[in-house]
């Protein structure tokens, strides 16, 4: 592992009053996981620090699933956030998903948001987000976006039916590092809006681009599975499900899959 670049940045992230230190962008050539690196080095990191890498060897998503990323073909970054600045830190991931969707729209794509914080294009996942606690009141937000991964690479890794990239959707061959500042600015803007306007902003933005809207879904949780119609988000950002048994459930977690519509 080699640090290729380190520099102070100004990106609109919320500051820590009275004890704010300049945020930094750090580029590492190869790392097992940017989230893990941040958690291991949390005592030396500031609010708003961003870590990115050209190659991630052990990337992971929710439920410890492996996150595939071809070398220098994805934006892979983690940022450190002071959780005390937010009334509901658990929704930071949703705020980040909205930022990613806005970033992809600027590239000409039509992304949708899948609860809790995935970004989809034409039914395939193009971005995943992982939110983890890191001690010292800090949160690590990990973002992975497939930029120039080819359809062939997805097919060789058994992901052709479920994953996509900017290149696969548009044909554009883009440089990840050149796009990173655009994403950082988008993320900073969305986090500021979340702090100022709260969950109402997330709910409004999410509803406009909701991938699950009107769909019949299956929610898998440890030791339990439920099926029903997706209603939308609660005022706290949780998933609302009208189960096949007729109950309305408010869910804080779960693995979501879309089912064939019921007659």
Protein backbone atom coordinates (compact mmCIF):
# COMPACT_ATOMS: atom_id res chain seq x y z
CA UNK A 1 0.00 0.00 0.00
CA UNK A 2 1.39 3.38 -1.05
CA UNK A 3 0.01 6.87 -0.46
CA UNK A 4 0.05 8.53 -3.90
CA UNK A 5 -1.43 11.89 -2.99
CA UNK A 6 -2.57 13.89 0.03
CA UNK A 7 -3.95 17.41 -0.06
CA UNK A 8 -6.38 19.67 1.84
CA UNK A 9 -9.79 20.10 0.22
CA UNK A 10 -12.82 22.33 0.56
CA UNK A 11 -15.96 20.48 -0.45
CA UNK A 12 -18.87 21.88 1.57
CA UNK A 13 -18.95 19.15 4.21
CA UNK A 14 -20.36 20.25 7.58
CA UNK A 15 -17.63 21.54 9.88
CA UNK A 16 -17.08 20.62 13.50
CA UNK A 17 -17.68 23.88 15.35
CA UNK A 18 -14.73 25.21 17.39
CA UNK A 19 -12.60 22.16 16.68
CA UNK A 20 -12.75 22.01 12.89
CA UNK A 21 -9.64 20.87 11.09
CA UNK A 22 -9.07 21.04 7.34
CA UNK A 23 -10.42 18.04 5.47
CA UNK A 24 -8.04 16.09 3.25
CA UNK A 25 -8.20 13.97 0.11
CA UNK A 26 -5.91 10.93 0.23
CA UNK A 27 -5.24 8.67 -2.76
CA UNK A 28 -3.85 5.19 -2.07
CA UNK A 29 -2.65 2.93 -4.90
CA UNK A 30 -3.96 -0.35 -3.46
CA UNK A 31 -5.99 -1.09 -0.34
CA UNK A 32 -8.01 -4.03 0.93
CA UNK A 33 -11.01 -1.82 1.70
CA UNK A 34 -11.27 1.96 1.98
CA UNK A 35 -13.84 1.61 4.76
CA UNK A 36 -11.59 -0.74 6.71
CA UNK A 37 -8.62 1.60 6.22
CA UNK A 38 -10.63 4.51 7.61
CA UNK A 39 -11.81 2.50 10.62
CA UNK A 40 -8.25 1.34 11.35
CA UNK A 41 -6.94 4.90 11.17
CA UNK A 42 -9.94 6.76 12.59
CA UNK A 43 -7.99 8.44 15.42
CA UNK A 44 -5.84 10.22 12.82
CA UNK A 45 -8.66 11.29 10.50
CA UNK A 46 -10.75 14.48 10.44
CA UNK A 47 -14.42 15.05 9.75
CA UNK A 48 -14.75 15.18 5.95
CA UNK A 49 -11.51 13.37 5.14
CA UNK A 50 -11.83 11.32 1.94
CA UNK A 51 -9.89 8.20 1.04
CA UNK A 52 -9.90 6.84 -2.50
CA UNK A 53 -7.97 4.11 -4.27
CA UNK A 54 -7.13 2.81 -7.73
CA UNK A 55 -7.43 -0.82 -6.62
CA UNK A 56 -9.50 -2.38 -3.84
CA UNK A 57 -8.82 -6.05 -3.18
CA UNK A 58 -11.40 -6.91 -0.51
CA UNK A 59 -14.27 -4.52 -1.08
CA UNK A 60 -17.51 -5.36 0.65
CA UNK A 61 -21.10 -4.25 0.78
CA UNK A 62 -24.03 -4.83 3.11
CA UNK A 63 -24.29 -8.29 4.70
CA UNK A 64 -20.51 -8.66 4.11
CA UNK A 65 -21.07 -9.33 0.42
CA UNK A 66 -18.07 -9.00 -1.87
CA UNK A 67 -18.01 -5.81 -3.95
CA UNK A 68 -16.46 -6.38 -7.38
CA UNK A 69 -14.46 -3.51 -8.86
CA UNK A 70 -12.07 -3.78 -11.79
CA UNK A 71 -8.75 -1.93 -11.37
CA UNK A 72 -9.09 1.82 -12.04
CA UNK A 73 -12.59 1.26 -13.45
CA UNK A 74 -14.67 2.38 -10.46
CA UNK A 75 -14.87 5.32 -8.11
CA UNK A 76 -14.05 3.77 -4.75
CA UNK A 77 -14.05 6.15 -1.82
CA UNK A 78 -14.78 6.44 1.86
CA UNK A 79 -15.30 9.59 3.87
CA UNK A 80 -15.28 10.18 7.60
CA UNK A 81 -18.31 11.99 9.04
CA UNK A 82 -18.99 13.30 12.53
CA UNK A 83 -22.27 11.59 13.41
CA UNK A 84 -23.10 14.13 16.12
CA UNK A 85 -23.86 16.70 13.41
CA UNK A 86 -26.94 14.79 12.29
CA UNK A 87 -30.21 14.07 14.11
CA UNK A 88 -30.52 10.70 12.37
CA UNK A 89 -27.05 9.50 11.24
CA UNK A 90 -28.53 6.25 9.89
CA UNK A 91 -29.99 8.21 6.95
CA UNK A 92 -26.60 9.53 5.83
CA UNK A 93 -26.44 6.54 3.48
CA UNK A 94 -29.69 7.59 1.82
CA UNK A 95 -28.41 11.14 1.47
CA UNK A 96 -25.30 9.74 -0.21
CA UNK A 97 -27.42 7.64 -2.60
CA UNK A 98 -29.31 10.79 -3.64
CA UNK A 99 -25.95 12.50 -4.27
CA UNK A 100 -24.75 9.59 -6.42
CA UNK A 101 -27.99 9.67 -8.41
CA UNK A 102 -27.50 13.39 -9.06
CA UNK A 103 -23.91 12.75 -10.13
CA UNK A 104 -25.03 10.05 -12.61
CA UNK A 105 -27.76 12.30 -14.02
CA UNK A 106 -25.05 14.83 -14.88
CA UNK A 107 -23.41 12.07 -16.94
CA UNK A 108 -26.64 11.56 -18.89
CA UNK A 109 -27.97 8.46 -17.09
CA UNK A 110 -31.41 7.91 -15.55
CA UNK A 111 -30.69 6.40 -12.12
CA UNK A 112 -33.22 5.18 -9.56
CA UNK A 113 -32.91 4.65 -5.81
CA UNK A 114 -33.47 1.29 -4.17
CA UNK A 115 -33.94 1.19 -0.40
CA UNK A 116 -31.93 1.38 1.74
CA UNK A 117 -29.16 3.02 -0.32
CA UNK A 118 -28.50 1.33 -3.69
CA UNK A 119 -28.47 3.17 -7.02
CA UNK A 120 -29.88 1.38 -10.05
CA UNK A 121 -29.92 1.98 -13.80
CA UNK A 122 -32.38 0.01 -15.94
CA UNK A 123 -32.86 -2.53 -13.18
CA UNK A 124 -29.16 -3.19 -12.55
CA UNK A 125 -27.00 -1.95 -9.71
CA UNK A 126 -24.48 0.73 -10.62
CA UNK A 127 -23.55 1.95 -7.15
CA UNK A 128 -23.50 0.62 -3.61
CA UNK A 129 -23.10 2.44 -0.32
CA UNK A 130 -21.90 1.11 3.02
CA UNK A 131 -22.32 3.02 6.30
CA UNK A 132 -20.34 1.87 9.36
CA UNK A 133 -19.63 3.23 12.83
CA UNK A 134 -15.98 3.80 13.62
CA UNK A 135 -15.71 4.96 17.24
CA UNK A 136 -14.96 8.46 18.55
CA UNK A 137 -18.49 9.37 17.42
CA UNK A 138 -17.44 9.07 13.80
CA UNK A 139 -19.10 7.30 10.87
CA UNK A 140 -17.42 5.91 7.76
CA UNK A 141 -19.39 6.29 4.54
CA UNK A 142 -18.20 4.07 1.69
CA UNK A 143 -19.27 4.65 -1.92
CA UNK A 144 -18.57 2.45 -4.94
CA UNK A 145 -19.65 3.48 -8.45
CA UNK A 146 -19.01 1.39 -11.56
CA UNK A 147 -17.62 3.81 -14.13
CA UNK A 148 -15.76 2.04 -16.94
CA UNK A 149 -16.27 -1.63 -16.10
CA UNK A 150 -17.13 -3.50 -19.30
CA UNK A 151 -20.08 -5.83 -19.86
CA UNK A 152 -17.49 -8.55 -20.51
CA UNK A 153 -15.97 -8.07 -17.05
CA UNK A 154 -19.39 -8.29 -15.42
CA UNK A 155 -20.19 -11.43 -17.42
CA UNK A 156 -16.91 -13.13 -16.46
CA UNK A 157 -17.69 -12.49 -12.79
CA UNK A 158 -21.29 -13.71 -13.01
CA UNK A 159 -22.73 -10.23 -12.57
CA UNK A 160 -24.10 -9.43 -16.04
CA UNK A 161 -27.74 -9.74 -14.95
CA UNK A 162 -27.46 -7.60 -11.83
CA UNK A 163 -24.68 -5.01 -12.33
CA UNK A 164 -23.94 -2.22 -14.79
CA UNK A 165 -21.61 0.75 -15.28
CA UNK A 166 -21.55 4.17 -16.87
CA UNK A 167 -19.63 2.70 -19.82
CA UNK A 168 -22.05 -0.21 -20.24
CA UNK A 169 -25.03 2.18 -20.28
CA UNK A 170 -23.63 5.05 -22.33
CA UNK A 171 -20.57 3.79 -24.17
CA UNK A 172 -18.48 6.57 -22.62
CA UNK A 173 -14.95 5.74 -21.43
CA UNK A 174 -14.40 8.11 -18.51
CA UNK A 175 -11.55 8.63 -16.06
CA UNK A 176 -12.53 7.91 -12.45
CA UNK A 177 -10.12 10.42 -10.89
CA UNK A 178 -11.33 13.18 -13.21
CA UNK A 179 -14.92 12.53 -12.11
CA UNK A 180 -14.17 12.36 -8.38
CA UNK A 181 -14.37 16.14 -7.71
CA UNK A 182 -17.85 16.24 -9.24
CA UNK A 183 -19.01 13.46 -6.91
CA UNK A 184 -17.40 15.09 -3.86
CA UNK A 185 -19.18 18.38 -4.54
CA UNK A 186 -22.51 16.58 -5.01
CA UNK A 187 -22.05 14.67 -1.77
CA UNK A 188 -21.14 17.78 0.21
CA UNK A 189 -24.20 19.58 -1.13
CA UNK A 190 -26.58 16.75 -0.24
CA UNK A 191 -25.19 16.36 3.27
CA UNK A 192 -25.68 20.09 3.85
CA UNK A 193 -29.27 19.88 2.60
CA UNK A 194 -29.93 16.92 4.89
CA UNK A 195 -28.63 18.87 7.89
CA UNK A 196 -30.72 21.94 7.04
CA UNK A 197 -33.97 20.34 5.87
CA UNK A 198 -33.88 16.97 7.62
CA UNK A 199 -35.62 13.79 6.58
CA UNK A 200 -38.27 15.65 4.59
CA UNK A 201 -35.62 16.47 1.99
CA UNK A 202 -34.59 12.81 1.75
CA UNK A 203 -38.19 11.62 1.47
CA UNK A 204 -39.01 14.12 -1.29
CA UNK A 205 -35.87 13.37 -3.32
CA UNK A 206 -36.23 9.63 -2.85
CA UNK A 207 -39.86 9.50 -3.96
CA UNK A 208 -39.01 11.17 -7.27
CA UNK A 209 -36.60 8.37 -8.20
CA UNK A 210 -37.92 5.36 -6.24
CA UNK A 211 -37.01 2.07 -7.96
CA UNK A 212 -39.36 0.04 -5.73
CA UNK A 213 -42.44 2.22 -6.22
CA UNK A 214 -45.55 0.07 -6.71
CA UNK A 215 -43.58 -3.18 -6.73
CA UNK A 216 -44.27 -6.44 -4.92
CA UNK A 217 -41.14 -7.28 -2.92
CA UNK A 218 -39.57 -9.84 -0.63
CA UNK A 219 -37.74 -8.67 2.49
CA UNK A 220 -35.28 -11.12 3.99
CA UNK A 221 -34.14 -10.67 7.58
CA UNK A 222 -32.28 -13.05 9.89
CA UNK A 223 -34.71 -15.89 10.60
CA UNK A 224 -37.63 -14.17 8.86
CA UNK A 225 -38.92 -13.42 5.37
CA UNK A 226 -41.86 -11.18 4.44
CA UNK A 227 -43.53 -10.44 1.13
CA UNK A 228 -45.90 -7.66 0.19
CA UNK A 229 -46.35 -4.37 -1.63
CA UNK A 230 -43.83 -1.61 -1.16
CA UNK A 231 -45.62 1.51 0.08
CA UNK A 232 -42.70 3.93 0.37
CA UNK A 233 -40.57 5.50 3.09
CA UNK A 234 -41.68 6.38 6.59
CA UNK A 235 -40.94 9.82 8.05
CA UNK A 236 -37.79 8.28 9.57
CA UNK A 237 -36.53 6.86 6.26
CA UNK A 238 -37.62 3.28 7.04
CA UNK A 239 -39.29 0.97 4.52
CA UNK A 240 -43.08 0.63 4.67
CA UNK A 241 -44.45 -2.73 3.57
CA UNK A 242 -48.09 -3.80 3.18
CA UNK A 243 -47.65 -7.52 3.74
CA UNK A 244 -49.60 -10.19 1.90
CA UNK A 245 -51.26 -10.88 5.25
CA UNK A 246 -52.63 -7.32 5.29
CA UNK A 247 -50.37 -5.82 7.97
CA UNK A 248 -48.35 -2.63 7.54
CA UNK A 249 -44.75 -3.14 8.66
CA UNK A 250 -42.09 -0.47 9.20
CA UNK A 251 -38.70 -2.06 8.54
CA UNK A 252 -35.31 -0.69 9.56
CA UNK A 253 -33.23 -3.29 7.70
CA UNK A 254 -33.47 -6.18 5.31
CA UNK A 255 -32.37 -7.58 1.96
CA UNK A 256 -34.84 -6.54 -0.75
CA UNK A 257 -35.70 -8.43 -3.93
CA UNK A 258 -38.45 -7.60 -6.42
CA UNK A 259 -41.09 -10.26 -6.99
CA UNK A 260 -43.48 -10.86 -9.86
CA UNK A 261 -46.58 -8.75 -9.41
CA UNK A 262 -49.53 -10.43 -7.74
CA UNK A 263 -52.67 -10.76 -9.81
